[in-house]
Amino acid sequence: MTGTGADWRTIDGVTTAWFDAASLTEGAALAARVLEVAPDSAVDLRTTGLRVRLAAATYAEAVAAAARDLGLRAAPGALQQLDVVLESPDPSAVTPFWQGVLDHVPAGDDLVDPLRRHPELRIRPSDEPRPLRNRIHLDVVRPAAVVERLGLGDGAGPWEVRHADADGNEVDLVPGDPLGETGATADWQTVFGSMACYRTTSPAQQRDLAAAAARLADAAGFPLLVDLRPGLVVLDSGKDLADADAHGLDLDFADLAADLQAAARDLGATADPDLPRFVQVFLDAADVEAVRAFWLAALGYLPDRRDGVSDIVDPRRLDPELVFQQLDTSDTERRRQRNRLHVELTVPSDVAGARADRAVAAGGRLLDDADGRWRVADPEGNELVVVAGS
């Protein structure tokens, strides 16, 4: 716990709180207050509440007081942050590749999403030889025009979208498509979900757009993701949730997207077509059921509601999805080789030990434990490091 009060924790160096709310509209009311007292904050609005990450801890009491005024309670135990670590014998050789693919910016030895929506990529030196393909890779989806401008050339793999850095670490870089063929949804891109990113010129414009989006989504019963950043509002269906079989509602998402676009334009917000982006973590496993069960428990995720879909999702849709794919069981050498990529999960210090214990109880194996870090291997050796925040 930090000195900022019981509502707040420090996660990845950022003063952070989660406040439960009963709807997007209820959460938007607190988001509006946050924009008044701490306009440089990052606010992630969900149907069950909102996460607030402060640019400065000095704003913490004012935001907590606003939440109390609205009858919203903090839930510090809900906080976590999932990031990815890549090990390389020559970090300088692989960093430019990932900076371009992810559109991240350097922050020391790390690459950080400037929008703070997607995992950090932490690149660490390692001289451990690992000649075979990782069993973990990233999927990144960006608008087709952006992918073409990156100039990575022809992709490999069954979908011809696989690319690799200088050390052989892979990414599936998938070109997205516009949502629909009419001007009513021209601001939207399909990047494994449907997303529109709006530039705003004032906190008031941000507040009004967030409130309008919340009202429209609540009226439709749709769990829209609304992320607020300085000068930006991101409207996001979430992965696959624009599809009827995924959202399970009597709703054509394109109709809701058109209404959201109309509201944004009426308020004078301007769409940025290059910004939509999606990132997920992909794991190959010989025993998908056992490996998936480990990660469900370790991360506190939920299974995708659809039959035959291996995805697991953060119930608050804040951290990236994990997807599992069957690995050839005869590929024993690749199964024994340690990955160059692993996952780090930062949680409040008062729950970190219990989270590591939960991962071990779900079939994991504790590899080491020191200085507030627990390194746990899943049933097939993929590594999770649980990190204690504060």
Protein backbone atom coordinates (compact mmCIF):
# COMPACT_ATOMS: atom_id res chain seq x y z
CA MET A 1 0.00 0.00 0.00
CA THR A 2 1.30 3.46 -0.83
CA GLY A 3 0.93 6.63 1.17
CA THR A 4 -1.88 7.70 -1.13
CA GLY A 5 -4.61 5.90 0.81
CA ALA A 6 -6.23 2.49 1.06
CA ASP A 7 -7.86 2.72 -2.40
CA TRP A 8 -4.58 2.87 -4.30
CA ARG A 9 -1.69 0.58 -5.17
CA THR A 10 1.48 1.08 -7.18
CA ILE A 11 1.41 -1.21 -10.22
CA ASP A 12 4.37 -1.06 -12.61
CA GLY A 13 5.38 2.20 -10.94
CA VAL A 14 1.97 3.86 -11.49
CA THR A 15 -0.49 4.88 -8.77
CA THR A 16 -3.55 2.84 -9.71
CA ALA A 17 -7.06 2.10 -8.43
CA TRP A 18 -10.07 0.12 -9.58
CA PHE A 19 -13.54 1.39 -8.62
CA ASP A 20 -16.55 -0.90 -8.95
CA ALA A 21 -19.55 0.52 -10.81
CA ALA A 22 -22.88 -0.94 -11.90
CA SER A 23 -22.81 0.36 -15.47
CA LEU A 24 -20.80 2.30 -18.00
CA THR A 25 -22.92 5.37 -17.27
CA GLU A 26 -22.22 5.15 -13.54
CA GLY A 27 -18.51 4.75 -14.22
CA ALA A 28 -18.55 7.63 -16.70
CA ALA A 29 -19.75 9.93 -13.93
CA LEU A 30 -16.57 9.21 -11.99
CA ALA A 31 -14.47 9.44 -15.17
CA ALA A 32 -15.82 12.97 -15.63
CA ARG A 33 -14.68 13.91 -12.13
CA VAL A 34 -11.25 12.36 -12.76
CA LEU A 35 -10.86 14.49 -15.90
CA GLU A 36 -11.61 17.57 -13.79
CA VAL A 37 -9.12 16.95 -10.99
CA ALA A 38 -6.47 14.83 -12.76
CA PRO A 39 -6.74 15.48 -16.52
CA ASP A 40 -3.51 13.65 -17.39
CA SER A 41 -4.78 10.36 -15.99
CA ALA A 42 -5.48 7.17 -17.94
CA VAL A 43 -9.04 5.94 -17.35
CA ASP A 44 -10.33 2.57 -18.55
CA LEU A 45 -14.12 2.45 -18.35
CA ARG A 46 -15.89 -0.93 -18.25
CA THR A 47 -19.41 -2.15 -17.53
CA THR A 48 -18.29 -3.32 -14.07
CA GLY A 49 -16.20 -0.29 -13.10
CA LEU A 50 -13.17 1.72 -14.08
CA ARG A 51 -9.43 1.66 -13.62
CA VAL A 52 -7.70 4.97 -12.93
CA ARG A 53 -3.94 5.38 -13.39
CA LEU A 54 -2.64 8.72 -12.18
CA ALA A 55 0.07 10.84 -13.74
CA ALA A 56 0.93 11.99 -10.20
CA ALA A 57 0.11 10.44 -6.83
CA THR A 58 -0.89 13.88 -5.51
CA TYR A 59 -4.24 13.47 -7.29
CA ALA A 60 -5.12 10.30 -5.39
CA GLU A 61 -7.14 11.75 -2.52
CA ALA A 62 -9.18 14.04 -4.78
CA VAL A 63 -10.11 11.12 -7.05
CA ALA A 64 -10.92 8.87 -4.07
CA ALA A 65 -13.12 11.61 -2.61
CA ALA A 66 -14.98 11.94 -5.93
CA ALA A 67 -15.58 8.18 -5.92
CA ARG A 68 -16.95 8.35 -2.38
CA ASP A 69 -19.26 11.20 -3.35
CA LEU A 70 -20.69 8.98 -6.10
CA GLY A 71 -20.98 5.95 -3.84
CA LEU A 72 -18.32 3.94 -5.69
CA ARG A 73 -15.98 1.66 -3.78
CA ALA A 74 -12.41 0.73 -4.63
CA ALA A 75 -11.37 -2.90 -5.05
CA PRO A 76 -7.55 -2.97 -4.76
CA GLY A 77 -7.43 -6.76 -5.05
CA ALA A 78 -8.70 -6.50 -8.62
CA LEU A 79 -5.57 -4.72 -9.83
CA GLN A 80 -3.00 -6.43 -12.00
CA GLN A 81 -0.84 -5.71 -15.03
CA LEU A 82 0.35 -8.27 -17.57
CA ASP A 83 3.55 -7.58 -19.54
CA VAL A 84 5.83 -9.59 -21.81
CA VAL A 85 9.57 -10.16 -21.42
CA LEU A 86 11.77 -11.05 -24.38
CA GLU A 87 15.31 -12.31 -23.87
CA SER A 88 17.90 -11.83 -26.59
CA PRO A 89 21.68 -12.17 -26.99
CA ASP A 90 21.62 -8.75 -28.70
CA PRO A 91 18.73 -6.56 -27.52
CA SER A 92 19.79 -3.72 -29.81
CA ALA A 93 19.25 -5.97 -32.83
CA VAL A 94 15.65 -6.85 -32.00
CA THR A 95 14.39 -3.63 -30.42
CA PRO A 96 13.76 -1.68 -33.68
CA PHE A 97 11.69 -4.54 -35.09
CA TRP A 98 9.37 -4.66 -32.09
CA GLN A 99 9.18 -0.89 -31.77
CA GLY A 100 7.81 -0.73 -35.31
CA VAL A 101 5.46 -3.70 -35.07
CA LEU A 102 3.93 -2.64 -31.76
CA ASP A 103 4.16 1.13 -32.25
CA HIS A 104 5.70 1.33 -28.78
CA VAL A 105 8.22 3.89 -27.55
CA PRO A 106 11.49 3.27 -25.69
CA ALA A 107 11.48 3.72 -21.92
CA GLY A 108 14.88 2.66 -20.64
CA ASP A 109 15.31 -0.98 -21.65
CA ASP A 110 11.58 -1.42 -22.24
CA LEU A 111 9.16 -0.66 -25.04
CA VAL A 112 5.98 0.98 -23.75
CA ASP A 113 2.65 1.56 -25.43
CA PRO A 114 2.26 5.36 -25.51
CA LEU A 115 -1.50 4.85 -25.11
CA ARG A 116 -0.96 2.52 -22.13
CA ARG A 117 -3.49 0.05 -23.51
CA HIS A 118 -1.22 -2.89 -24.41
CA PRO A 119 1.52 -4.82 -22.60
CA GLU A 120 5.00 -3.46 -22.19
CA LEU A 121 7.70 -5.43 -23.97
CA ARG A 122 10.72 -5.74 -21.70
CA ILE A 123 13.82 -6.76 -23.63
CA ARG A 124 16.55 -8.37 -21.53
CA PRO A 125 19.99 -9.69 -22.47
CA SER A 126 20.56 -13.45 -22.37
CA ASP A 127 23.29 -15.70 -23.78
CA GLU A 128 21.30 -18.92 -23.30
CA PRO A 129 21.15 -20.75 -26.67
CA ARG A 130 17.61 -21.46 -27.89
CA PRO A 131 17.74 -22.36 -31.59
CA LEU A 132 14.18 -23.69 -31.99
CA ARG A 133 10.95 -21.70 -32.32
CA ASN A 134 9.36 -20.35 -29.15
CA ARG A 135 6.10 -21.84 -27.96
CA ILE A 136 4.95 -18.30 -27.19
CA HIS A 137 4.45 -15.55 -29.75
CA LEU A 138 2.45 -12.35 -30.06
CA ASP A 139 -0.44 -11.58 -32.38
CA VAL A 140 -0.69 -7.93 -33.40
CA VAL A 141 -3.51 -6.53 -35.53
CA ARG A 142 -3.27 -3.06 -37.06
CA PRO A 143 -5.04 -1.32 -39.95
CA ALA A 144 -4.00 -2.72 -43.34
CA ALA A 145 -2.54 0.61 -44.48
CA VAL A 146 -0.32 0.75 -41.38
CA VAL A 147 0.88 -2.82 -41.87
CA GLU A 148 1.77 -2.05 -45.48
CA ARG A 149 3.75 1.05 -44.47
CA LEU A 150 5.84 -1.00 -42.05
CA GLY A 151 7.34 -2.71 -45.10
CA LEU A 152 8.13 -6.07 -43.51
CA GLY A 153 7.58 -7.90 -46.80
CA ASP A 154 5.81 -11.19 -47.35
CA GLY A 155 4.81 -13.09 -44.27
CA ALA A 156 5.24 -16.79 -43.56
CA GLY A 157 3.00 -19.41 -41.96
CA PRO A 158 -0.42 -20.72 -42.95
CA TRP A 159 -1.93 -17.22 -43.07
CA GLU A 160 1.18 -15.54 -44.50
CA VAL A 161 1.31 -13.03 -41.64
CA ARG A 162 4.18 -14.44 -39.57
CA HIS A 163 7.30 -12.31 -39.19
CA ALA A 164 10.36 -12.72 -36.99
CA ASP A 165 12.95 -10.43 -35.45
CA ALA A 166 16.70 -10.91 -35.88
CA ASP A 167 16.71 -13.54 -33.13
CA GLY A 168 13.80 -15.57 -34.52
CA ASN A 169 11.10 -14.38 -32.10
CA GLU A 170 7.81 -14.36 -33.97
CA VAL A 171 4.80 -12.13 -34.35
CA ASP A 172 1.69 -12.68 -36.42
CA LEU A 173 1.11 -9.19 -37.83
CA VAL A 174 -2.43 -9.21 -39.15
CA PRO A 175 -3.89 -6.44 -41.35
CA GLY A 176 -7.26 -5.21 -40.17
CA ASP A 177 -10.24 -4.12 -42.26
CA PRO A 178 -12.81 -1.33 -42.14
CA LEU A 179 -16.02 -2.11 -40.28
CA GLY A 180 -18.64 -2.30 -43.01
CA GLU A 181 -18.75 -0.60 -46.37
CA THR A 182 -20.74 2.55 -45.61
CA GLY A 183 -19.79 5.96 -44.31
CA ALA A 184 -21.86 5.38 -41.19
CA THR A 185 -19.00 3.34 -39.71
CA ALA A 186 -16.08 4.90 -41.62
CA ASP A 187 -14.26 5.75 -38.38
CA TRP A 188 -14.11 2.09 -37.30
CA GLN A 189 -11.50 -0.55 -37.96
CA THR A 190 -11.82 -4.29 -37.36
CA VAL A 191 -8.66 -5.40 -35.54
CA PHE A 192 -9.94 -8.69 -34.06
CA GLY A 193 -12.48 -6.36 -32.47
CA SER A 194 -14.08 -3.19 -33.75
CA MET A 195 -12.37 0.01 -32.68
CA ALA A 196 -12.55 3.76 -33.28
CA CYS A 197 -10.02 6.20 -31.83
CA TYR A 198 -11.09 9.84 -31.48
CA ARG A 199 -8.82 12.83 -30.96
CA THR A 200 -10.35 15.42 -28.64
CA THR A 201 -9.43 19.03 -27.97
CA SER A 202 -10.47 19.44 -24.34
CA PRO A 203 -11.29 17.42 -21.21
CA ALA A 204 -14.90 18.61 -21.59
CA GLN A 205 -15.11 17.09 -25.08
CA GLN A 206 -13.59 13.87 -23.72
CA ARG A 207 -16.08 13.82 -20.86
CA ASP A 208 -19.06 14.37 -23.15
CA LEU A 209 -17.98 11.70 -25.61
CA ALA A 210 -17.38 9.16 -22.84
CA ALA A 211 -20.80 9.93 -21.36
CA ALA A 212 -22.54 9.65 -24.74
CA ALA A 213 -20.78 6.36 -25.54
CA ALA A 214 -21.71 4.99 -22.11
CA ARG A 215 -25.39 5.88 -22.56
CA LEU A 216 -25.58 4.33 -26.02
CA ALA A 217 -23.78 1.14 -25.01
CA ASP A 218 -25.79 0.72 -21.81
CA ALA A 219 -29.03 1.18 -23.74
CA ALA A 220 -27.94 -1.57 -26.13
CA GLY A 221 -26.73 -3.80 -23.29
CA PHE A 222 -23.30 -3.98 -24.92
CA PRO A 223 -20.07 -4.20 -22.84
CA LEU A 224 -18.20 -1.47 -24.72
CA LEU A 225 -14.63 -0.63 -23.68
CA VAL A 226 -14.09 3.13 -23.33
CA ASP A 227 -10.51 4.24 -22.69
CA LEU A 228 -9.64 7.87 -21.98
CA ARG A 229 -6.18 9.28 -22.52
CA PRO A 230 -5.08 12.91 -22.71
CA GLY A 231 -6.59 14.17 -25.97
CA LEU A 232 -8.02 10.77 -26.93
CA VAL A 233 -11.08 8.54 -26.50
CA VAL A 234 -10.87 4.91 -27.64
CA LEU A 235 -14.12 3.02 -28.28
CA ASP A 236 -13.56 -0.71 -28.54
CA SER A 237 -15.88 -3.70 -28.84
CA GLY A 238 -13.25 -6.04 -27.40
CA LYS A 239 -11.90 -9.05 -29.25
CA ASP A 240 -14.57 -10.73 -31.40
CA LEU A 241 -17.38 -9.11 -29.41
CA ALA A 242 -18.71 -7.28 -32.46
CA ASP A 243 -19.74 -10.75 -33.69
CA ALA A 244 -23.21 -11.96 -32.74
CA ASP A 245 -22.04 -15.41 -31.65
CA ALA A 246 -19.60 -13.80 -29.21
CA HIS A 247 -21.75 -11.07 -27.66
CA GLY A 248 -24.94 -13.18 -27.63
CA LEU A 249 -27.20 -10.13 -27.83
CA ASP A 250 -30.06 -9.18 -30.12
CA LEU A 251 -27.80 -6.56 -31.65
CA ASP A 252 -26.02 -5.75 -34.88
CA PHE A 253 -22.86 -4.08 -33.61
CA ALA A 254 -22.53 -2.05 -36.81
CA ASP A 255 -25.71 -0.20 -35.81
CA LEU A 256 -24.25 0.67 -32.42
CA ALA A 257 -20.95 1.67 -34.06
CA ALA A 258 -22.84 4.02 -36.39
CA ASP A 259 -24.61 5.65 -33.44
CA LEU A 260 -21.31 6.03 -31.57
CA GLN A 261 -19.65 7.54 -34.63
CA ALA A 262 -22.50 10.01 -35.06
CA ALA A 263 -22.21 11.06 -31.41
CA ALA A 264 -18.45 11.53 -31.68
CA ARG A 265 -18.72 13.62 -34.81
CA ASP A 266 -21.55 15.71 -33.35
CA LEU A 267 -19.21 16.57 -30.47
CA GLY A 268 -16.44 17.56 -32.89
CA ALA A 269 -14.10 14.65 -32.17
CA THR A 270 -11.88 13.50 -35.04
CA ALA A 271 -11.11 9.86 -35.79
CA ASP A 272 -7.47 8.78 -36.12
CA PRO A 273 -7.53 5.82 -38.54
CA ASP A 274 -3.97 4.69 -37.78
CA LEU A 275 -4.38 4.17 -34.03
CA PRO A 276 -6.60 1.05 -33.73
CA ARG A 277 -4.44 -1.84 -32.55
CA PHE A 278 -4.86 -5.19 -30.85
CA VAL A 279 -2.26 -7.38 -29.10
CA GLN A 280 -2.66 -10.88 -27.66
CA VAL A 281 -0.39 -13.66 -26.40
CA PHE A 282 -0.39 -17.03 -28.20
CA LEU A 283 0.83 -20.26 -26.60
CA ASP A 284 1.46 -23.61 -28.29
CA ALA A 285 0.77 -26.57 -25.98
CA ALA A 286 0.86 -30.34 -26.24
CA ASP A 287 -1.82 -30.61 -23.52
CA VAL A 288 -3.95 -27.54 -24.16
CA GLU A 289 -6.44 -28.37 -21.41
CA ALA A 290 -3.80 -28.58 -18.67
CA VAL A 291 -1.85 -25.52 -19.79
CA ARG A 292 -5.01 -23.47 -20.25
CA ALA A 293 -6.25 -24.44 -16.78
CA PHE A 294 -2.99 -23.20 -15.27
CA TRP A 295 -3.23 -19.79 -16.92
CA LEU A 296 -6.92 -19.42 -16.09
CA ALA A 297 -6.13 -19.84 -12.40
CA ALA A 298 -2.84 -17.95 -12.35
CA LEU A 299 -4.21 -14.86 -14.11
CA GLY A 300 -7.75 -14.93 -12.75
CA TYR A 301 -9.06 -15.05 -16.31
CA LEU A 302 -12.30 -16.50 -17.68
CA PRO A 303 -12.80 -18.88 -20.63
CA ASP A 304 -14.35 -17.58 -23.83
CA ARG A 305 -18.07 -18.39 -23.82
CA ARG A 306 -18.02 -19.97 -27.28
CA ASP A 307 -17.59 -23.69 -27.92
CA GLY A 308 -14.35 -24.67 -29.61
CA VAL A 309 -12.57 -21.38 -28.82
CA SER A 310 -9.46 -21.66 -26.66
CA ASP A 311 -9.17 -17.98 -25.68
CA ILE A 312 -9.07 -16.92 -22.06
CA VAL A 313 -9.91 -13.32 -21.17
CA ASP A 314 -9.40 -10.86 -18.37
CA PRO A 315 -12.88 -10.42 -16.86
CA ARG A 316 -12.33 -6.65 -16.86
CA ARG A 317 -10.89 -6.65 -20.40
CA LEU A 318 -7.82 -4.72 -19.26
CA ASP A 319 -5.03 -7.24 -19.80
CA PRO A 320 -4.39 -9.09 -23.08
CA GLU A 321 -6.15 -12.26 -24.16
CA LEU A 322 -4.26 -15.56 -24.18
CA VAL A 323 -4.93 -18.09 -26.93
CA PHE A 324 -3.85 -21.75 -26.97
CA GLN A 325 -2.99 -23.87 -29.98
CA GLN A 326 -2.27 -27.57 -30.23
CA LEU A 327 1.45 -28.39 -30.52
CA ASP A 328 2.64 -31.54 -32.25
CA THR A 329 3.29 -33.88 -29.34
CA SER A 330 6.17 -35.51 -31.22
CA ASP A 331 8.06 -32.17 -31.26
CA THR A 332 9.84 -33.09 -28.04
CA GLU A 333 12.95 -30.92 -28.56
CA ARG A 334 10.91 -27.78 -29.00
CA ARG A 335 8.82 -28.68 -25.95
CA ARG A 336 11.96 -29.03 -23.81
CA GLN A 337 13.55 -25.80 -24.97
CA ARG A 338 13.03 -22.76 -22.75
CA ASN A 339 11.18 -19.93 -24.48
CA ARG A 340 12.80 -16.59 -25.19
CA LEU A 341 9.51 -14.97 -24.19
CA HIS A 342 7.75 -15.13 -20.86
CA VAL A 343 4.98 -13.26 -19.07
CA GLU A 344 5.22 -11.01 -16.02
CA LEU A 345 2.17 -10.34 -13.85
CA THR A 346 2.36 -7.43 -11.42
CA VAL A 347 -0.17 -7.49 -8.58
CA PRO A 348 -0.42 -5.62 -5.25
CA SER A 349 2.17 -6.77 -2.74
CA ASP A 350 -0.48 -7.91 -0.27
CA VAL A 351 -1.80 -10.55 -2.71
CA ALA A 352 1.36 -11.47 -4.65
CA GLY A 353 2.37 -14.48 -2.56
CA ALA A 354 -1.13 -15.90 -2.67
CA ARG A 355 -1.25 -15.44 -6.43
CA ALA A 356 2.01 -17.36 -6.83
CA ASP A 357 0.64 -20.12 -4.58
CA ARG A 358 -2.49 -20.27 -6.72
CA ALA A 359 -0.38 -20.68 -9.85
CA VAL A 360 1.53 -23.58 -8.27
CA ALA A 361 -1.69 -25.20 -7.07
CA ALA A 362 -3.03 -25.06 -10.64
CA GLY A 363 -0.27 -27.35 -11.90
CA GLY A 364 2.66 -24.96 -11.89
CA ARG A 365 6.17 -25.51 -10.59
CA LEU A 366 7.98 -22.87 -8.53
CA LEU A 367 11.37 -22.24 -10.13
CA ASP A 368 12.64 -19.52 -7.81
CA ASP A 369 11.44 -16.89 -5.35
CA ALA A 370 13.40 -13.77 -4.40
CA ASP A 371 12.89 -10.05 -3.81
CA GLY A 372 9.15 -10.02 -4.37
CA ARG A 373 9.30 -12.09 -7.56
CA TRP A 374 8.02 -15.64 -7.96
CA ARG A 375 9.00 -17.48 -11.17
CA VAL A 376 6.56 -20.29 -11.91
CA ALA A 377 6.52 -22.71 -14.84
CA ASP A 378 3.24 -24.00 -16.23
CA PRO A 379 2.81 -27.77 -16.85
CA GLU A 380 4.85 -27.49 -20.07
CA GLY A 381 7.53 -25.07 -18.91
CA ASN A 382 6.14 -21.74 -20.12
CA GLU A 383 7.09 -19.20 -17.48
CA LEU A 384 5.06 -16.71 -15.47
CA VAL A 385 6.78 -14.28 -13.12
CA VAL A 386 4.53 -12.89 -10.39
CA VAL A 387 5.80 -9.50 -9.28
CA ALA A 388 4.80 -7.73 -6.08
CA GLY A 389 3.80 -4.13 -6.61
CA SER A 390 3.22 -1.92 -3.59
